[in-house]
Amino acid sequence: MQMEKVREKAKKLGLKTAKMKKQELIRAIQSAEGNFPCFGTAEGHCDQSGCCWIEDCVE
């Protein structure tokens, strides 16, 4: 997902996006949505099947 779309999603959740890197921002979104803030930490496999970031995360 492009950074612009990530920022858009974050703003809808009321998160401040200034100076945050993409990974940090996605993790903040994950937390705000009640998920584990684990984006980018999986090594080829992720058991968070309900997460909207799974495709970007385990590339």
PDB file of N, CA and C in Angstrom:
ATOM      1  N   MET A   1       0.853  -1.174   0.000  1.00  0.00           N
ATOM      2  CA  MET A   1       0.000   0.000   0.000  1.00  0.00           C
ATOM      3  C   MET A   1       0.900   1.238   0.000  1.00  0.00           C
ATOM      4  N   GLN A   2       0.524   2.205  -0.792  1.00  0.00           N
ATOM      5  CA  GLN A   2       1.317   3.430  -0.887  1.00  0.00           C
ATOM      6  C   GLN A   2       1.166   4.265   0.378  1.00  0.00           C
ATOM      7  N   MET A   3       2.224   5.026   0.690  1.00  0.00           N
ATOM      8  CA  MET A   3       2.267   5.816   1.912  1.00  0.00           C
ATOM      9  C   MET A   3       1.079   6.774   2.027  1.00  0.00           C
ATOM     10  N   GLU A   4       0.645   7.343   0.925  1.00  0.00           N
ATOM     11  CA  GLU A   4      -0.491   8.271   0.943  1.00  0.00           C
ATOM     12  C   GLU A   4      -1.745   7.587   1.499  1.00  0.00           C
ATOM     13  N   LYS A   5      -1.977   6.357   1.068  1.00  0.00           N
ATOM     14  CA  LYS A   5      -3.140   5.596   1.537  1.00  0.00           C
ATOM     15  C   LYS A   5      -2.983   5.214   3.013  1.00  0.00           C
ATOM     16  N   VAL A   6      -1.753   4.906   3.411  1.00  0.00           N
ATOM     17  CA  VAL A   6      -1.482   4.568   4.810  1.00  0.00           C
ATOM     18  C   VAL A   6      -1.777   5.782   5.693  1.00  0.00           C
ATOM     19  N   ARG A   7      -1.307   6.951   5.275  1.00  0.00           N
ATOM     20  CA  ARG A   7      -1.567   8.190   6.033  1.00  0.00           C
ATOM     21  C   ARG A   7      -3.067   8.478   6.119  1.00  0.00           C
ATOM     22  N   GLU A   8      -3.771   8.257   5.022  1.00  0.00           N
ATOM     23  CA  GLU A   8      -5.222   8.465   4.977  1.00  0.00           C
ATOM     24  C   GLU A   8      -5.927   7.588   6.016  1.00  0.00           C
ATOM     25  N   LYS A   9      -5.552   6.327   6.042  1.00  0.00           N
ATOM     26  CA  LYS A   9      -6.139   5.373   6.988  1.00  0.00           C
ATOM     27  C   LYS A   9      -5.826   5.789   8.424  1.00  0.00           C
ATOM     28  N   ALA A  10      -4.602   6.233   8.666  1.00  0.00           N
ATOM     29  CA  ALA A  10      -4.194   6.668  10.004  1.00  0.00           C
ATOM     30  C   ALA A  10      -4.993   7.887  10.455  1.00  0.00           C
ATOM     31  N   LYS A  11      -5.177   8.827   9.561  1.00  0.00           N
ATOM     32  CA  LYS A  11      -5.920  10.042   9.903  1.00  0.00           C
ATOM     33  C   LYS A  11      -7.371   9.727  10.242  1.00  0.00           C
ATOM     34  N   LYS A  12      -7.957   8.753   9.547  1.00  0.00           N
ATOM     35  CA  LYS A  12      -9.330   8.342   9.845  1.00  0.00           C
ATOM     36  C   LYS A  12      -9.447   7.773  11.262  1.00  0.00           C
ATOM     37  N   LEU A  13      -8.339   7.217  11.754  1.00  0.00           N
ATOM     38  CA  LEU A  13      -8.315   6.658  13.106  1.00  0.00           C
ATOM     39  C   LEU A  13      -7.888   7.693  14.145  1.00  0.00           C
ATOM     40  N   GLY A  14      -7.615   8.919  13.681  1.00  0.00           N
ATOM     41  CA  GLY A  14      -7.229   9.988  14.592  1.00  0.00           C
ATOM     42  C   GLY A  14      -5.762   9.985  14.977  1.00  0.00           C
ATOM     43  N   LEU A  15      -4.933   9.306  14.197  1.00  0.00           N
ATOM     44  CA  LEU A  15      -3.502   9.239  14.488  1.00  0.00           C
ATOM     45  C   LEU A  15      -2.756  10.380  13.810  1.00  0.00           C
ATOM     46  N   LYS A  16      -1.717  10.864  14.468  1.00  0.00           N
ATOM     47  CA  LYS A  16      -0.869  11.891  13.868  1.00  0.00           C
ATOM     48  C   LYS A  16       0.194  11.178  13.042  1.00  0.00           C
ATOM     49  N   THR A  17       0.397  11.650  11.825  1.00  0.00           N
ATOM     50  CA  THR A  17       1.266  10.929  10.891  1.00  0.00           C
ATOM     51  C   THR A  17       2.591  11.624  10.609  1.00  0.00           C
ATOM     52  N   ALA A  18       2.775  12.818  11.121  1.00  0.00           N
ATOM     53  CA  ALA A  18       3.982  13.589  10.813  1.00  0.00           C
ATOM     54  C   ALA A  18       5.247  12.869  11.273  1.00  0.00           C
ATOM     55  N   LYS A  19       6.217  12.838  10.395  1.00  0.00           N
ATOM     56  CA  LYS A  19       7.558  12.306  10.662  1.00  0.00           C
ATOM     57  C   LYS A  19       7.600  10.823  11.013  1.00  0.00           C
ATOM     58  N   MET A  20       6.535  10.100  10.746  1.00  0.00           N
ATOM     59  CA  MET A  20       6.535   8.660  11.011  1.00  0.00           C
ATOM     60  C   MET A  20       6.889   7.908   9.738  1.00  0.00           C
ATOM     61  N   LYS A  21       7.733   6.907   9.891  1.00  0.00           N
ATOM     62  CA  LYS A  21       8.066   6.047   8.767  1.00  0.00           C
ATOM     63  C   LYS A  21       6.894   5.100   8.538  1.00  0.00           C
ATOM     64  N   LYS A  22       6.849   4.527   7.349  1.00  0.00           N
ATOM     65  CA  LYS A  22       5.724   3.669   6.961  1.00  0.00           C
ATOM     66  C   LYS A  22       5.514   2.529   7.959  1.00  0.00           C
ATOM     67  N   GLN A  23       6.588   1.843   8.332  1.00  0.00           N
ATOM     68  CA  GLN A  23       6.463   0.720   9.262  1.00  0.00           C
ATOM     69  C   GLN A  23       5.909   1.168  10.610  1.00  0.00           C
ATOM     70  N   GLU A  24       6.408   2.283  11.120  1.00  0.00           N
ATOM     71  CA  GLU A  24       5.937   2.809  12.410  1.00  0.00           C
ATOM     72  C   GLU A  24       4.456   3.164  12.337  1.00  0.00           C
ATOM     73  N   LEU A  25       4.080   3.789  11.253  1.00  0.00           N
ATOM     74  CA  LEU A  25       2.700   4.223  11.073  1.00  0.00           C
ATOM     75  C   LEU A  25       1.747   3.030  10.977  1.00  0.00           C
ATOM     76  N   ILE A  26       2.139   2.024  10.234  1.00  0.00           N
ATOM     77  CA  ILE A  26       1.304   0.829  10.108  1.00  0.00           C
ATOM     78  C   ILE A  26       1.159   0.139  11.459  1.00  0.00           C
ATOM     79  N   ARG A  27       2.231   0.078  12.226  1.00  0.00           N
ATOM     80  CA  ARG A  27       2.149  -0.524  13.562  1.00  0.00           C
ATOM     81  C   ARG A  27       1.221   0.273  14.472  1.00  0.00           C
ATOM     82  N   ALA A  28       1.250   1.597  14.352  1.00  0.00           N
ATOM     83  CA  ALA A  28       0.340   2.442  15.141  1.00  0.00           C
ATOM     84  C   ALA A  28      -1.111   2.179  14.736  1.00  0.00           C
ATOM     85  N   ILE A  29      -1.336   2.008  13.442  1.00  0.00           N
ATOM     86  CA  ILE A  29      -2.683   1.694  12.942  1.00  0.00           C
ATOM     87  C   ILE A  29      -3.124   0.331  13.478  1.00  0.00           C
ATOM     88  N   GLN A  30      -2.225  -0.640  13.432  1.00  0.00           N
ATOM     89  CA  GLN A  30      -2.554  -1.971  13.943  1.00  0.00           C
ATOM     90  C   GLN A  30      -2.989  -1.889  15.410  1.00  0.00           C
ATOM     91  N   SER A  31      -2.254  -1.141  16.206  1.00  0.00           N
ATOM     92  CA  SER A  31      -2.601  -0.980  17.627  1.00  0.00           C
ATOM     93  C   SER A  31      -3.955  -0.310  17.790  1.00  0.00           C
ATOM     94  N   ALA A  32      -4.183   0.751  17.023  1.00  0.00           N
ATOM     95  CA  ALA A  32      -5.449   1.491  17.105  1.00  0.00           C
ATOM     96  C   ALA A  32      -6.637   0.611  16.719  1.00  0.00           C
ATOM     97  N   GLU A  33      -6.404  -0.356  15.853  1.00  0.00           N
ATOM     98  CA  GLU A  33      -7.469  -1.265  15.420  1.00  0.00           C
ATOM     99  C   GLU A  33      -7.614  -2.478  16.343  1.00  0.00           C
ATOM    100  N   GLY A  34      -6.781  -2.540  17.382  1.00  0.00           N
ATOM    101  CA  GLY A  34      -6.868  -3.644  18.334  1.00  0.00           C
ATOM    102  C   GLY A  34      -6.093  -4.883  17.931  1.00  0.00           C
ATOM    103  N   ASN A  35      -5.175  -4.729  16.987  1.00  0.00           N
ATOM    104  CA  ASN A  35      -4.344  -5.849  16.534  1.00  0.00           C
ATOM    105  C   ASN A  35      -2.945  -5.741  17.132  1.00  0.00           C
ATOM    106  N   PHE A  36      -2.160  -6.789  16.973  1.00  0.00           N
ATOM    107  CA  PHE A  36      -0.775  -6.759  17.409  1.00  0.00           C
ATOM    108  C   PHE A  36       0.003  -5.816  16.499  1.00  0.00           C
ATOM    109  N   PRO A  37       0.850  -4.947  17.042  1.00  0.00           N
ATOM    110  CA  PRO A  37       1.658  -4.043  16.219  1.00  0.00           C
ATOM    111  C   PRO A  37       2.910  -4.766  15.724  1.00  0.00           C
ATOM    112  N   CYS A  38       2.722  -5.671  14.782  1.00  0.00           N
ATOM    113  CA  CYS A  38       3.808  -6.568  14.379  1.00  0.00           C
ATOM    114  C   CYS A  38       4.239  -6.417  12.919  1.00  0.00           C
ATOM    115  N   PHE A  39       3.775  -5.386  12.226  1.00  0.00           N
ATOM    116  CA  PHE A  39       4.069  -5.246  10.799  1.00  0.00           C
ATOM    117  C   PHE A  39       5.571  -5.326  10.530  1.00  0.00           C
ATOM    118  N   GLY A  40       5.940  -6.169   9.588  1.00  0.00           N
ATOM    119  CA  GLY A  40       7.332  -6.284   9.166  1.00  0.00           C
ATOM    120  C   GLY A  40       8.192  -7.178  10.036  1.00  0.00           C
ATOM    121  N   THR A  41       7.598  -7.847  11.018  1.00  0.00           N
ATOM    122  CA  THR A  41       8.400  -8.696  11.896  1.00  0.00           C
ATOM    123  C   THR A  41       8.260 -10.181  11.568  1.00  0.00           C
ATOM    124  N   ALA A  42       7.291 -10.532  10.741  1.00  0.00           N
ATOM    125  CA  ALA A  42       7.088 -11.937  10.367  1.00  0.00           C
ATOM    126  C   ALA A  42       8.189 -12.371   9.408  1.00  0.00           C
ATOM    127  N   GLU A  43       8.579 -13.618   9.534  1.00  0.00           N
ATOM    128  CA  GLU A  43       9.612 -14.158   8.649  1.00  0.00           C
ATOM    129  C   GLU A  43       8.989 -15.157   7.682  1.00  0.00           C
ATOM    130  N   GLY A  44       8.239 -14.635   6.707  1.00  0.00           N
ATOM    131  CA  GLY A  44       7.649 -15.479   5.680  1.00  0.00           C
ATOM    132  C   GLY A  44       6.290 -16.058   6.019  1.00  0.00           C
ATOM    133  N   HIS A  45       5.862 -15.941   7.271  1.00  0.00           N
ATOM    134  CA  HIS A  45       4.561 -16.479   7.679  1.00  0.00           C
ATOM    135  C   HIS A  45       3.944 -15.567   8.729  1.00  0.00           C
ATOM    136  N   CYS A  46       2.630 -15.381   8.637  1.00  0.00           N
ATOM    137  CA  CYS A  46       1.916 -14.555   9.605  1.00  0.00           C
ATOM    138  C   CYS A  46       0.602 -15.240   9.963  1.00  0.00           C
ATOM    139  N   ASP A  47       0.318 -15.327  11.256  1.00  0.00           N
ATOM    140  CA  ASP A  47      -0.927 -15.968  11.687  1.00  0.00           C
ATOM    141  C   ASP A  47      -2.052 -14.964  11.945  1.00  0.00           C
ATOM    142  N   GLN A  48      -1.830 -13.701  11.610  1.00  0.00           N
ATOM    143  CA  GLN A  48      -2.836 -12.654  11.788  1.00  0.00           C
ATOM    144  C   GLN A  48      -3.668 -12.534  10.510  1.00  0.00           C
ATOM    145  N   SER A  49      -4.467 -13.544  10.230  1.00  0.00           N
ATOM    146  CA  SER A  49      -5.201 -13.617   8.965  1.00  0.00           C
ATOM    147  C   SER A  49      -6.213 -12.490   8.761  1.00  0.00           C
ATOM    148  N   GLY A  50      -6.666 -11.853   9.830  1.00  0.00           N
ATOM    149  CA  GLY A  50      -7.641 -10.776   9.708  1.00  0.00           C
ATOM    150  C   GLY A  50      -7.019  -9.412   9.494  1.00  0.00           C
ATOM    151  N   CYS A  51      -5.722  -9.345   9.459  1.00  0.00           N
ATOM    152  CA  CYS A  51      -5.014  -8.071   9.319  1.00  0.00           C
ATOM    153  C   CYS A  51      -4.999  -7.625   7.855  1.00  0.00           C
ATOM    154  N   CYS A  52      -5.320  -6.360   7.627  1.00  0.00           N
ATOM    155  CA  CYS A  52      -5.365  -5.861   6.243  1.00  0.00           C
ATOM    156  C   CYS A  52      -3.966  -5.626   5.659  1.00  0.00           C
ATOM    157  N   TRP A  53      -2.922  -5.744   6.459  1.00  0.00           N
ATOM    158  CA  TRP A  53      -1.551  -5.488   6.002  1.00  0.00           C
ATOM    159  C   TRP A  53      -0.801  -6.770   5.642  1.00  0.00           C
ATOM    160  N   ILE A  54      -1.421  -7.916   5.789  1.00  0.00           N
ATOM    161  CA  ILE A  54      -0.718  -9.195   5.653  1.00  0.00           C
ATOM    162  C   ILE A  54       0.015  -9.344   4.313  1.00  0.00           C
ATOM    163  N   GLU A  55      -0.575  -8.888   3.236  1.00  0.00           N
ATOM    164  CA  GLU A  55       0.077  -9.033   1.927  1.00  0.00           C
ATOM    165  C   GLU A  55       1.356  -8.208   1.836  1.00  0.00           C
ATOM    166  N   ASP A  56       1.335  -6.989   2.361  1.00  0.00           N
ATOM    167  CA  ASP A  56       2.527  -6.137   2.350  1.00  0.00           C
ATOM    168  C   ASP A  56       3.567  -6.636   3.345  1.00  0.00           C
ATOM    169  N   CYS A  57       3.105  -7.213   4.424  1.00  0.00           N
ATOM    170  CA  CYS A  57       3.979  -7.596   5.525  1.00  0.00           C
ATOM    171  C   CYS A  57       4.873  -8.793   5.202  1.00  0.00           C
ATOM    172  N   VAL A  58       4.327  -9.818   4.620  1.00  0.00           N
ATOM    173  CA  VAL A  58       5.088 -11.055   4.413  1.00  0.00           C
ATOM    174  C   VAL A  58       5.630 -11.201   2.991  1.00  0.00           C
ATOM    175  N   GLU A  59       5.814 -10.102   2.299  1.00  0.00           N
ATOM    176  CA  GLU A  59       6.357 -10.140   0.929  1.00  0.00           C
ATOM    177  C   GLU A  59       7.734 -10.751   0.917  1.00  0.00           C
TER     178      GLU A  59
END
